Protein backbone atom coordinates (compact mmCIF):
# COMPACT_ATOMS: atom_id res chain seq x y z
CA UNK A 1 -0.09 0.01 0.05
CA UNK A 2 1.21 3.45 -1.00
CA UNK A 3 0.33 6.49 0.86
CA UNK A 4 1.59 9.91 1.59
CA UNK A 5 3.18 10.93 4.98
CA UNK A 6 3.43 14.15 6.64
CA UNK A 7 6.44 14.04 8.57
CA UNK A 8 5.55 16.85 10.98
CA UNK A 9 2.60 14.54 12.09
CA UNK A 10 4.98 11.49 13.03
CA UNK A 11 5.74 12.78 16.60
CA UNK A 12 3.99 15.01 19.09
CA UNK A 13 4.73 18.87 19.70
CA UNK A 14 6.47 17.90 22.97
CA UNK A 15 8.23 14.86 21.76
CA UNK A 16 11.81 14.48 23.07
CA UNK A 17 13.25 14.34 19.61
CA UNK A 18 11.96 17.87 18.81
CA UNK A 19 13.34 19.19 22.16
CA UNK A 20 16.79 17.65 21.38
CA UNK A 21 16.73 19.05 17.97
CA UNK A 22 15.70 22.44 19.20
CA UNK A 23 18.38 22.53 21.81
CA UNK A 24 21.11 21.29 19.71
CA UNK A 25 20.31 23.92 17.26
CA UNK A 26 21.11 26.76 19.78
CA UNK A 27 24.55 25.46 20.62
CA UNK A 28 27.60 26.42 18.63
CA UNK A 29 28.63 23.70 16.44
CA UNK A 30 31.67 25.35 14.94
CA UNK A 31 34.32 22.71 15.90
CA UNK A 32 32.18 19.99 14.31
CA UNK A 33 31.57 21.94 11.04
CA UNK A 34 35.46 22.51 10.96
CA UNK A 35 35.88 18.97 10.44
CA UNK A 36 33.73 18.90 7.20
CA UNK A 37 36.07 18.72 4.18
CA UNK A 38 33.18 20.26 1.81
CA UNK A 39 33.80 23.97 1.41
CA UNK A 40 31.52 26.32 -0.54
CA UNK A 41 33.36 27.20 -3.69
CA UNK A 42 35.39 24.21 -3.67
CA UNK A 43 35.11 20.56 -4.42
CA UNK A 44 34.36 18.24 -1.34
CA UNK A 45 32.78 15.25 0.00
CA UNK A 46 29.22 14.75 1.06
CA UNK A 47 28.65 15.12 4.72
CA UNK A 48 25.87 14.63 7.00
CA UNK A 49 24.94 17.52 9.17
CA UNK A 50 26.54 17.30 12.66
CA UNK A 51 23.22 18.62 14.31
CA UNK A 52 21.61 15.63 13.18
CA UNK A 53 23.88 13.03 14.27
CA UNK A 54 24.29 14.68 17.60
CA UNK A 55 20.66 14.79 18.10
CA UNK A 56 20.25 11.01 16.74
CA UNK A 57 22.85 9.86 19.27
CA UNK A 58 21.35 11.76 22.29
CA UNK A 59 17.97 10.41 21.29
CA UNK A 60 19.27 6.87 20.86
CA UNK A 61 20.96 6.75 24.27
CA UNK A 62 17.93 8.24 26.01
CA UNK A 63 15.91 5.23 24.67
CA UNK A 64 18.58 2.71 25.48
CA UNK A 65 20.02 2.24 21.97
CA UNK A 66 23.95 2.27 22.02
CA UNK A 67 24.53 0.16 18.85
CA UNK A 68 25.28 1.97 15.74
CA UNK A 69 23.56 -0.87 13.62
CA UNK A 70 20.28 -0.66 15.57
CA UNK A 71 20.34 3.07 15.29
CA UNK A 72 20.47 2.62 11.39
CA UNK A 73 17.77 0.04 11.58
CA UNK A 74 15.60 2.25 13.77
CA UNK A 75 15.90 5.20 11.62
CA UNK A 76 13.74 3.36 8.96
CA UNK A 77 10.63 2.64 11.12
CA UNK A 78 10.84 4.61 14.74
CA UNK A 79 8.80 7.77 14.50
CA UNK A 80 11.34 9.82 16.31
CA UNK A 81 14.43 8.84 14.29
CA UNK A 82 12.20 9.32 11.24
CA UNK A 83 11.19 12.80 12.08
CA UNK A 84 15.06 13.55 12.70
CA UNK A 85 16.21 12.24 9.48
CA UNK A 86 13.20 13.23 7.30
CA UNK A 87 12.47 9.75 6.15
CA UNK A 88 16.05 9.15 5.09
CA UNK A 89 18.44 6.57 6.14
CA UNK A 90 21.96 6.92 7.45
CA UNK A 91 24.72 4.23 7.40
CA UNK A 92 25.67 2.76 10.59
CA UNK A 93 29.40 3.31 9.63
CA UNK A 94 28.68 6.98 9.51
CA UNK A 95 26.93 6.80 12.90
CA UNK A 96 29.91 4.83 14.68
CA UNK A 97 32.56 6.91 13.27
CA UNK A 98 30.86 10.25 14.27
CA UNK A 99 30.33 8.78 18.00
CA UNK A 100 34.24 8.11 18.19
CA UNK A 101 35.55 11.24 16.66
CA UNK A 102 35.87 14.87 17.36
CA UNK A 103 36.48 14.72 21.13
CA UNK A 104 37.23 18.03 21.44
CA UNK A 105 34.12 19.13 19.91
CA UNK A 106 32.15 16.56 21.86
CA UNK A 107 33.71 18.04 25.27
CA UNK A 108 32.84 21.47 24.04
CA UNK A 109 29.35 20.45 23.36
CA UNK A 110 28.98 19.05 26.88
CA UNK A 111 30.57 22.14 28.61
CA UNK A 112 27.90 24.41 26.29
CA UNK A 113 25.03 22.31 27.77
CA UNK A 114 26.17 22.73 31.22
CA UNK A 115 26.55 26.59 30.72
CA UNK A 116 22.80 26.69 29.67
CA UNK A 117 21.74 24.70 32.65
CA UNK A 118 23.95 26.99 34.85
CA UNK A 119 22.48 30.09 33.47
CA UNK A 120 18.92 28.68 34.50
CA UNK A 121 20.11 28.13 37.89
CA UNK A 122 20.11 24.16 37.81
CA UNK A 123 23.89 23.82 38.42
CA UNK A 124 25.55 25.86 41.34
CA UNK A 125 28.51 23.84 42.26
CA UNK A 126 27.85 24.54 45.76
CA UNK A 127 28.26 20.77 46.48
CA UNK A 128 29.01 18.01 44.15
CA UNK A 129 29.57 14.04 44.64
CA UNK A 130 32.35 12.10 42.94
CA UNK A 131 31.55 8.28 42.50
CA UNK A 132 32.84 5.67 40.20
CA UNK A 133 31.54 2.57 38.76
CA UNK A 134 33.12 -0.26 36.55
CA UNK A 135 31.72 -0.86 33.00
CA UNK A 136 32.75 -3.85 30.98
CA UNK A 137 34.99 -3.18 27.92
CA UNK A 138 34.67 -4.47 24.50
CA UNK A 139 37.09 -7.27 25.11
CA UNK A 140 36.94 -10.82 26.32
CA UNK A 141 39.06 -12.42 29.06
CA UNK A 142 40.52 -14.92 26.76
CA UNK A 143 42.00 -11.90 24.72
CA UNK A 144 44.69 -11.32 27.20
CA UNK A 145 48.01 -12.57 26.31
CA UNK A 146 51.73 -12.55 27.72
CA UNK A 147 54.50 -10.49 26.03
CA UNK A 148 55.97 -13.35 24.04
CA UNK A 149 52.43 -14.52 22.48
CA UNK A 150 51.51 -11.03 21.64
CA UNK A 151 54.84 -10.61 19.74
CA UNK A 152 54.18 -13.69 17.90
CA UNK A 153 50.76 -12.59 16.87
CA UNK A 154 52.09 -9.15 15.95
CA UNK A 155 54.63 -10.85 13.52
CA UNK A 156 51.99 -12.66 11.85
CA UNK A 157 49.79 -9.57 11.49
CA UNK A 158 52.63 -7.68 9.98
CA UNK A 159 53.27 -10.43 7.49
CA UNK A 160 49.50 -10.00 6.45
CA UNK A 161 49.70 -6.57 5.99
CA UNK A 162 52.71 -7.06 3.62
CA UNK A 163 50.90 -9.83 1.66
CA UNK A 164 47.74 -7.58 1.14
CA UNK A 165 49.74 -4.81 0.32
CA UNK A 166 51.53 -6.74 -2.56
CA UNK A 167 48.30 -8.07 -4.12
CA UNK A 168 47.42 -6.36 -7.19
CA UNK A 169 44.41 -3.81 -7.43
CA UNK A 170 41.12 -5.39 -8.71
CA UNK A 171 39.73 -3.61 -11.57
CA UNK A 172 36.13 -3.74 -10.19
CA UNK A 173 35.21 -1.00 -8.01
CA UNK A 174 33.48 -3.37 -5.63
CA UNK A 175 36.59 -5.59 -5.40
CA UNK A 176 38.72 -2.76 -4.78
CA UNK A 177 36.64 -1.36 -2.03
CA UNK A 178 36.82 -4.81 -0.46
CA UNK A 179 40.75 -5.21 -0.79
CA UNK A 180 41.06 -1.60 0.73
CA UNK A 181 38.78 -2.65 3.81
CA UNK A 182 40.92 -5.85 4.30
CA UNK A 183 44.08 -3.94 4.32
CA UNK A 184 42.55 -1.20 6.72
CA UNK A 185 41.43 -4.24 9.17
CA UNK A 186 44.73 -5.63 8.99
CA UNK A 187 46.54 -2.27 9.87
CA UNK A 188 44.23 -1.62 12.64
CA UNK A 189 45.05 -5.05 14.20
CA UNK A 190 48.75 -4.47 13.97
CA UNK A 191 47.92 -1.28 15.62
CA UNK A 192 46.12 -2.81 18.53
CA UNK A 193 48.86 -5.60 19.06
CA UNK A 194 51.76 -3.00 19.01
CA UNK A 195 49.76 -1.16 21.78
CA UNK A 196 49.32 -4.30 23.67
CA UNK A 197 52.71 -4.95 23.61
CA UNK A 198 53.60 -1.54 24.90
CA UNK A 199 50.96 -1.88 27.69
CA UNK A 200 52.48 -5.41 28.77
CA UNK A 201 55.96 -4.02 29.20
CA UNK A 202 54.43 -0.90 31.08
CA UNK A 203 52.68 -3.04 33.42
CA UNK A 204 55.71 -5.49 33.95
CA UNK A 205 57.93 -2.42 34.72
CA UNK A 206 55.32 -0.87 37.37
CA UNK A 207 54.40 -4.49 39.14
CA UNK A 208 57.86 -5.89 39.20
CA UNK A 209 58.63 -4.47 42.66
CA UNK A 210 55.27 -5.00 44.16
CA UNK A 211 54.61 -8.70 43.33
CA UNK A 212 56.93 -11.70 43.06
CA UNK A 213 56.87 -13.53 39.92
CA UNK A 214 54.24 -11.29 38.28
CA UNK A 215 53.72 -11.90 34.58
CA UNK A 216 51.75 -8.91 32.86
CA UNK A 217 49.32 -9.59 30.24
CA UNK A 218 47.46 -7.37 28.01
CA UNK A 219 44.38 -7.82 25.83
CA UNK A 220 44.85 -8.08 21.92
CA UNK A 221 41.38 -6.70 21.19
CA UNK A 222 41.35 -3.47 23.72
CA UNK A 223 45.14 -3.13 25.09
CA UNK A 224 43.94 -0.24 27.45
CA UNK A 225 41.21 -2.47 29.18
CA UNK A 226 42.17 -4.05 32.65
CA UNK A 227 40.52 -6.70 34.47
CA UNK A 228 38.67 -5.17 37.36
CA UNK A 229 36.25 -6.61 40.16
CA UNK A 230 32.79 -5.65 39.45
CA UNK A 231 29.91 -5.28 41.87
CA UNK A 232 29.21 -9.01 41.49
CA UNK A 233 32.03 -10.23 42.74
CA UNK A 234 33.51 -11.41 39.43
CA UNK A 235 36.41 -10.12 37.49
CA UNK A 236 36.11 -8.80 33.83
CA UNK A 237 37.97 -6.40 31.76
CA UNK A 238 36.44 -3.03 32.37
CA UNK A 239 36.98 0.67 32.52
CA UNK A 240 36.39 2.78 35.69
CA UNK A 241 34.03 5.68 34.97
CA UNK A 242 34.23 8.75 37.27
CA UNK A 243 31.20 10.87 37.56
CA UNK A 244 31.20 14.35 39.18
CA UNK A 245 27.42 15.22 40.14
CA UNK A 246 26.29 18.42 41.13
CA UNK A 247 23.65 17.62 44.22
CA UNK A 248 21.10 20.57 43.64
CA UNK A 249 19.61 18.65 40.54
CA UNK A 250 21.70 15.55 40.04
CA UNK A 251 23.35 16.97 36.91
CA UNK A 252 26.65 15.22 35.96
CA UNK A 253 29.11 18.00 35.50
CA UNK A 254 32.12 16.22 34.66
CA UNK A 255 32.87 12.29 33.16
CA UNK A 256 35.89 10.54 32.66
CA UNK A 257 36.99 6.78 32.25
CA UNK A 258 40.25 5.55 33.88
CA UNK A 259 42.25 2.43 33.69
CA UNK A 260 42.73 2.46 37.57
CA UNK A 261 40.56 -0.27 39.34
CA UNK A 262 40.72 1.52 42.73
CA UNK A 263 39.21 5.06 43.25
CA UNK A 264 41.81 6.32 45.68
CA UNK A 265 43.91 8.21 43.48
CA UNK A 266 40.78 9.79 41.51
CA UNK A 267 39.96 13.02 43.63
CA UNK A 268 42.82 15.11 42.40
CA UNK A 269 42.22 14.69 38.83
CA UNK A 270 38.53 14.99 38.96
CA UNK A 271 39.00 18.58 40.92
CA UNK A 272 41.74 19.44 38.07
CA UNK A 273 39.24 18.52 35.18
CA UNK A 274 36.51 20.50 36.92
CA UNK A 275 38.77 23.87 37.10
CA UNK A 276 39.74 23.01 33.40
CA UNK A 277 36.39 22.54 31.73
CA UNK A 278 34.15 24.48 33.91
CA UNK A 279 36.44 27.36 34.96
CA UNK A 280 36.03 26.99 38.85
CA UNK A 281 35.97 24.29 41.45
CA UNK A 282 33.10 23.18 43.51
CA UNK A 283 32.91 24.39 47.29
CA UNK A 284 32.22 21.30 48.72
CA UNK A 285 32.72 17.48 47.50
CA UNK A 286 31.54 14.41 48.88
CA UNK A 287 32.85 10.65 48.28
CA UNK A 288 32.84 7.34 49.87
CA UNK A 289 35.53 5.57 51.65
CA UNK A 290 37.09 4.32 48.67
CA UNK A 291 38.48 8.05 48.13
CA UNK A 292 39.15 8.70 51.67
CA UNK A 293 42.81 8.72 52.42
CA UNK A 294 45.56 11.15 53.30
CA UNK A 295 46.36 12.01 49.69
CA UNK A 296 42.54 12.87 48.92
CA UNK A 297 42.29 15.15 52.06
CA UNK A 298 45.55 16.98 51.12
CA UNK A 299 44.54 17.37 47.41
CA UNK A 300 40.98 18.83 48.56
CA UNK A 301 42.70 21.01 51.05
CA UNK A 302 45.11 22.47 48.45
CA UNK A 303 42.59 23.20 46.06
CA UNK A 304 40.41 24.88 48.69
CA UNK A 305 37.50 22.45 48.38
CA UNK A 306 35.74 21.27 51.60
CA UNK A 307 35.80 17.49 51.49
CA UNK A 308 33.48 15.15 53.23
CA UNK A 309 34.00 11.45 53.16
CA UNK A 310 34.21 8.26 55.31
CA UNK A 311 37.40 7.48 56.85
CA UNK A 312 38.32 3.66 56.95
CA UNK A 313 40.63 2.92 59.93
CA UNK A 314 43.04 0.06 59.19
CA UNK A 315 42.78 -1.51 62.64
CA UNK A 316 39.86 -3.34 64.27
CA UNK A 317 39.36 -5.14 67.53
CA UNK A 318 40.64 -8.80 67.57
CA UNK A 319 41.35 -11.28 70.00
CA UNK A 320 44.71 -12.36 68.42
CA UNK A 321 46.47 -10.70 65.46
CA UNK A 322 48.33 -12.52 62.64
CA UNK A 323 51.36 -13.44 64.84
CA UNK A 324 49.37 -15.03 67.48
CA UNK A 325 49.38 -12.09 70.11
CA UNK A 326 46.60 -11.81 72.69
CA UNK A 327 44.53 -8.62 72.62
CA UNK A 328 46.10 -7.10 75.60
CA UNK A 329 49.44 -7.24 73.94
CA UNK A 330 48.46 -5.45 70.64
CA UNK A 331 50.25 -2.15 70.00
CA UNK A 332 46.74 -0.33 70.45
CA UNK A 333 46.54 -1.62 73.97
CA UNK A 334 49.88 0.00 75.01
CA UNK A 335 49.13 3.00 77.18
CA UNK A 336 50.89 6.16 75.50
CA UNK A 337 52.62 8.94 77.57
CA UNK A 338 52.47 12.12 75.49
CA UNK A 339 54.46 14.06 77.98
CA UNK A 340 57.33 11.65 77.91
CA UNK A 341 56.78 10.46 74.45
CA UNK A 342 56.87 6.88 75.33
CA UNK A 343 54.77 3.54 75.49
CA UNK A 344 54.34 0.98 78.50
CA UNK A 345 53.86 -2.64 78.00
CA UNK A 346 51.63 -4.82 80.20
CA UNK A 347 54.93 -6.15 82.01
CA UNK A 348 55.95 -2.67 83.06
CA UNK A 349 58.70 -1.97 80.64
CA UNK A 350 58.99 1.44 78.91
CA UNK A 351 59.38 1.67 75.11
CA UNK A 352 61.21 4.65 74.12
CA UNK A 353 61.51 6.54 71.00
CA UNK A 354 63.81 4.76 68.49
CA UNK A 355 63.36 6.16 64.90
CA UNK A 356 61.04 8.47 62.79
CA UNK A 357 60.27 7.61 59.26
CA UNK A 358 58.71 10.00 56.75
CA UNK A 359 55.83 8.53 54.52
CA UNK A 360 54.20 9.91 51.83
CA UNK A 361 51.46 12.57 51.88
CA UNK A 362 53.04 14.00 55.23
CA UNK A 363 52.42 11.07 57.28
CA UNK A 364 55.47 10.40 59.78
CA UNK A 365 55.95 7.10 61.54
CA UNK A 366 57.28 7.11 65.02
CA UNK A 367 59.09 3.68 66.07
CA UNK A 368 59.37 2.63 69.93
CA UNK A 369 61.38 -0.20 71.18
CA UNK A 370 61.86 -1.87 74.39
CA UNK A 371 65.37 -2.09 76.20
CA UNK A 372 67.42 -4.77 74.66
CA UNK A 373 67.80 -6.79 78.27
CA UNK A 374 63.78 -6.54 78.87
CA UNK A 375 62.28 -8.97 76.37
CA UNK A 376 64.65 -12.02 76.46
CA UNK A 377 63.93 -13.05 80.04
CA UNK A 378 60.45 -11.37 80.20
CA UNK A 379 57.85 -13.90 81.88
CA UNK A 380 55.27 -12.60 79.38
CA UNK A 381 57.31 -13.32 76.49
CA UNK A 382 55.08 -16.27 75.05
CA UNK A 383 51.94 -13.83 74.88
CA UNK A 384 53.89 -10.92 73.36
CA UNK A 385 56.43 -12.33 71.04
CA UNK A 386 55.82 -13.98 67.60
CA UNK A 387 56.09 -18.02 67.74
CA UNK A 388 59.35 -17.88 65.89
CA UNK A 389 61.07 -15.04 67.46
CA UNK A 390 64.82 -15.11 67.85
CA UNK A 391 66.48 -14.99 71.36
CA UNK A 392 67.60 -11.46 71.11
CA UNK A 393 64.05 -10.31 69.94
CA UNK A 394 62.58 -7.03 71.53
CA UNK A 395 59.03 -5.56 71.21
CA UNK A 396 58.85 -2.41 68.96
CA UNK A 397 55.63 -0.71 67.84
CA UNK A 398 54.80 2.26 65.80
CA UNK A 399 52.66 5.39 66.30
CA UNK A 400 51.41 7.51 63.22
CA UNK A 401 51.51 11.11 63.42
CA UNK A 402 49.02 12.33 60.67
CA UNK A 403 49.06 15.86 59.01
CA UNK A 404 47.06 18.62 60.19
CA UNK A 405 44.68 18.44 57.16
CA UNK A 406 43.80 14.75 58.01
CA UNK A 407 43.24 15.68 61.73
CA UNK A 408 40.97 18.49 60.93
CA UNK A 409 38.97 16.17 58.47
CA UNK A 410 38.49 13.72 61.09
CA UNK A 411 37.26 16.45 63.69
CA UNK A 412 34.99 17.82 61.07
CA UNK A 413 33.57 14.34 60.14
CA UNK A 414 32.68 13.47 63.92
CA UNK A 415 30.14 16.52 63.96
CA UNK A 416 26.52 15.77 63.20
CA UNK A 417 26.27 18.11 60.46
CA UNK A 418 29.03 16.51 58.41
CA UNK A 419 27.17 13.18 58.96
CA UNK A 420 24.00 14.35 57.66
CA UNK A 421 25.92 15.81 54.51
CA UNK A 422 27.60 12.28 53.81
CA UNK A 423 24.41 10.45 54.54
CA UNK A 424 22.87 12.12 51.34
CA UNK A 425 25.71 10.84 49.28
CA UNK A 426 24.59 7.71 47.68
CA UNK A 427 21.18 8.88 46.40
CA UNK A 428 22.76 11.53 44.64
CA UNK A 429 26.12 9.95 43.37
CA UNK A 430 24.91 6.63 42.50
CA UNK A 431 21.73 7.55 40.53
CA UNK A 432 23.44 8.87 37.32
CA UNK A 433 25.38 5.42 37.13
CA UNK A 434 22.30 3.22 37.50
CA UNK A 435 20.50 5.77 34.81
CA UNK A 436 23.38 5.22 32.29
CA UNK A 437 23.32 1.34 32.82
CA UNK A 438 19.63 0.70 32.75
CA UNK A 439 18.22 3.53 30.66
CA UNK A 440 21.07 4.12 28.25
CA UNK A 441 21.99 0.65 28.19
CA UNK A 442 25.58 1.27 28.73
CA UNK A 443 26.45 -2.04 30.71
CA UNK A 444 29.27 -2.65 27.91
CA UNK A 445 31.27 -0.20 25.90
CA UNK A 446 30.91 -0.67 21.84
CA UNK A 447 34.24 1.48 21.40
CA UNK A 448 37.80 0.22 22.24
CA UNK A 449 40.34 2.37 23.75
CA UNK A 450 40.43 4.70 26.77
CA UNK A 451 39.67 7.80 24.87
CA UNK A 452 36.65 6.26 22.70
CA UNK A 453 35.40 4.89 25.87
CA UNK A 454 35.41 8.18 27.63
CA UNK A 455 33.64 9.48 24.69
CA UNK A 456 30.95 7.08 24.76
CA UNK A 457 30.48 7.60 28.58
CA UNK A 458 30.22 11.42 27.56
CA UNK A 459 27.33 10.52 25.06
CA UNK A 460 25.31 8.88 27.66
CA UNK A 461 25.97 11.26 30.26
CA UNK A 462 24.79 14.16 27.91
CA UNK A 463 21.72 12.13 27.08
CA UNK A 464 21.19 11.84 30.75
CA UNK A 465 21.65 15.49 31.63
CA UNK A 466 19.28 16.56 28.98
CA UNK A 467 16.75 14.16 30.11
CA UNK A 468 16.91 15.48 33.52
CA UNK A 469 16.62 19.14 32.10
CA UNK A 470 13.45 18.41 30.10
CA UNK A 471 11.98 16.67 33.14
CA UNK A 472 12.90 19.37 35.50
CA UNK A 473 11.51 22.32 33.03
CA UNK A 474 7.89 20.20 32.89
CA UNK A 475 7.87 19.97 36.63
CA UNK A 476 8.67 23.84 36.97
CA UNK A 477 5.88 24.35 34.48
CA UNK A 478 3.35 22.43 36.43
CA UNK A 479 4.15 23.84 39.56
CA UNK A 480 2.06 26.99 40.65
CA UNK A 481 3.90 30.28 40.52
């Protein structure tokens, strides 16, 4: 059946596709247009309008579509995509290439949207939360290889490239394009394997002093992906996505993907990115115990940011320690005399100051030791000394002297106001992560490499921010003046 279609009647007036298109049309897309080779008055190539591709991807992520092929299929029948495309089709290669290219333009687009939301009072940076989540990489666990195996695969890939380059060009256009695609795929595989070899060498150099017998491995399909432990207890190749969220309306103000499986080093880079992209730093920042350490507290103090977190002390009450000591002979049970700077053991012996060690981040370790002749003949030696202690063994304990910034932080977190601020962290910080995984469908990245993965996360967060914005505007219109 043939029938005429009015494109404007495909979707309602308040449809999200219309809102996205109108909003993107108000932004400065000059960085995207600068990449188009077709220029007026000079021969060039055909190029799809960046406003259309941006709108398509934001609309797709808002509907949980993260596949370029699926988006291309939906452009043929989904009303919102049909309205955006004007009933035309777009190749999945065009969509896929656009998503992972033009990083500077995408970052500028993200900041422009934040600027518009800030102008309407939706972003204040009075208080932000920092939280990370693991998202599976586009690589399998069986793609990780040692250096020797990667080098063998690399030599085979290089041989394939040489063989393809030596083949004569086919006369038919289709055959020529097919051969060019094969050569391009072979070159990309060589590039990935070269990156994997470099990553293995870097990991081996970093970890050789930390673990005995450590053998580094890297993925042949995504060399920058690292094996991380997810929330379900398993270990899979993943990236750690860091989100900085404004607490007023839950808007994501910064997004980054890292290869570090642990969050304790991410506070300082997050504050620096916020100052670079937004031009100013937040007044307060809230993060969980994974971020709370001496380095984080000092970094926040140096940037003039009020930090709220959960300090996790390394000791806990036990009946016996790893060396078999009873609870009354643990270091925490020894009374300390601050005026004399000494400890007293249960046998009445005095442990005097022996050495001072300066650790990282301003932490100082004071070492106290008992007299040489006190411990060998002590009647309580069996309870205090390790099971295989030497005859001349004597007891020593340590006392940490924390920097002033850490002391002030712990005093602040002991107040009721700080506890209430931290108690509201989870409902703000964890919601965007749940949204981009459930609503945007970003449980596994489609792209490979840290830079492209960060761009894909930025697309999902951009879609999340616009969805939040449209929802807030509808709510404000419904509320009475």
